[in-house]
Amino acid sequence: MAELRDRAEITDALYRFGLGQDLQDKELFASAFAADAELDFRPAAARWGAKPP
């Protein structure tokens, strides 16, 4: 039963991630992450020549 709950929670987080981006809803997007999550886009940004802070 815990495995099904885990899968549902993962699916829910992925939907909030994608829908938050599509709707440009910062709160919905942020709800897909843990409170202490950190995103590092430097490797991806470097591929197209950007230099994020």
Protein backbone atom coordinates (compact mmCIF):
# COMPACT_ATOMS: atom_id res chain seq x y z
CA MET A 1 0.00 0.00 0.00
CA ALA A 2 2.86 2.40 0.79
CA GLU A 3 4.29 1.82 -2.70
CA LEU A 4 1.03 2.97 -4.32
CA ARG A 5 0.93 6.04 -2.11
CA ASP A 6 4.56 6.85 -3.00
CA ARG A 7 3.80 6.49 -6.70
CA ALA A 8 0.74 8.75 -6.40
CA GLU A 9 2.76 11.40 -4.57
CA ILE A 10 5.54 11.28 -7.18
CA THR A 11 3.01 11.55 -10.01
CA ASP A 12 1.31 14.46 -8.27
CA ALA A 13 4.63 16.30 -7.84
CA LEU A 14 5.48 15.80 -11.52
CA TYR A 15 2.09 17.15 -12.60
CA ARG A 16 2.48 20.20 -10.31
CA PHE A 17 5.97 20.75 -11.74
CA GLY A 18 4.77 20.69 -15.36
CA LEU A 19 1.49 22.52 -14.85
CA GLY A 20 3.17 25.18 -12.73
CA GLN A 21 5.53 25.86 -15.64
CA ASP A 22 2.79 25.82 -18.25
CA LEU A 23 0.56 28.18 -16.28
CA GLN A 24 3.49 30.27 -15.04
CA ASP A 25 2.14 29.67 -11.53
CA LYS A 26 5.09 30.12 -9.16
CA GLU A 27 3.27 28.71 -6.13
CA LEU A 28 2.11 25.59 -7.96
CA PHE A 29 5.60 25.07 -9.42
CA ALA A 30 7.25 25.54 -6.02
CA SER A 31 4.84 23.05 -4.44
CA ALA A 32 6.51 20.30 -6.48
CA PHE A 33 9.72 20.67 -4.45
CA ALA A 34 10.81 20.16 -0.86
CA ALA A 35 11.14 23.38 1.14
CA ASP A 36 14.95 23.13 1.15
CA ALA A 37 15.37 22.10 -2.51
CA GLU A 38 18.03 23.82 -4.60
CA LEU A 39 18.02 23.90 -8.39
CA ASP A 40 21.29 24.12 -10.26
CA PHE A 41 20.86 25.04 -13.92
CA ARG A 42 24.54 25.82 -14.52
CA PRO A 43 25.34 22.61 -16.48
CA ALA A 44 22.28 23.00 -18.74
CA ALA A 45 22.80 26.74 -19.16
CA ALA A 46 26.46 26.23 -20.06
CA ARG A 47 25.40 24.06 -23.01
CA TRP A 48 23.74 27.06 -24.67
CA GLY A 49 26.34 29.61 -23.59
CA ALA A 50 24.56 31.22 -20.62
CA LYS A 51 26.38 32.06 -17.40
CA PRO A 52 23.83 32.08 -14.55
CA PRO A 53 24.90 33.46 -11.17
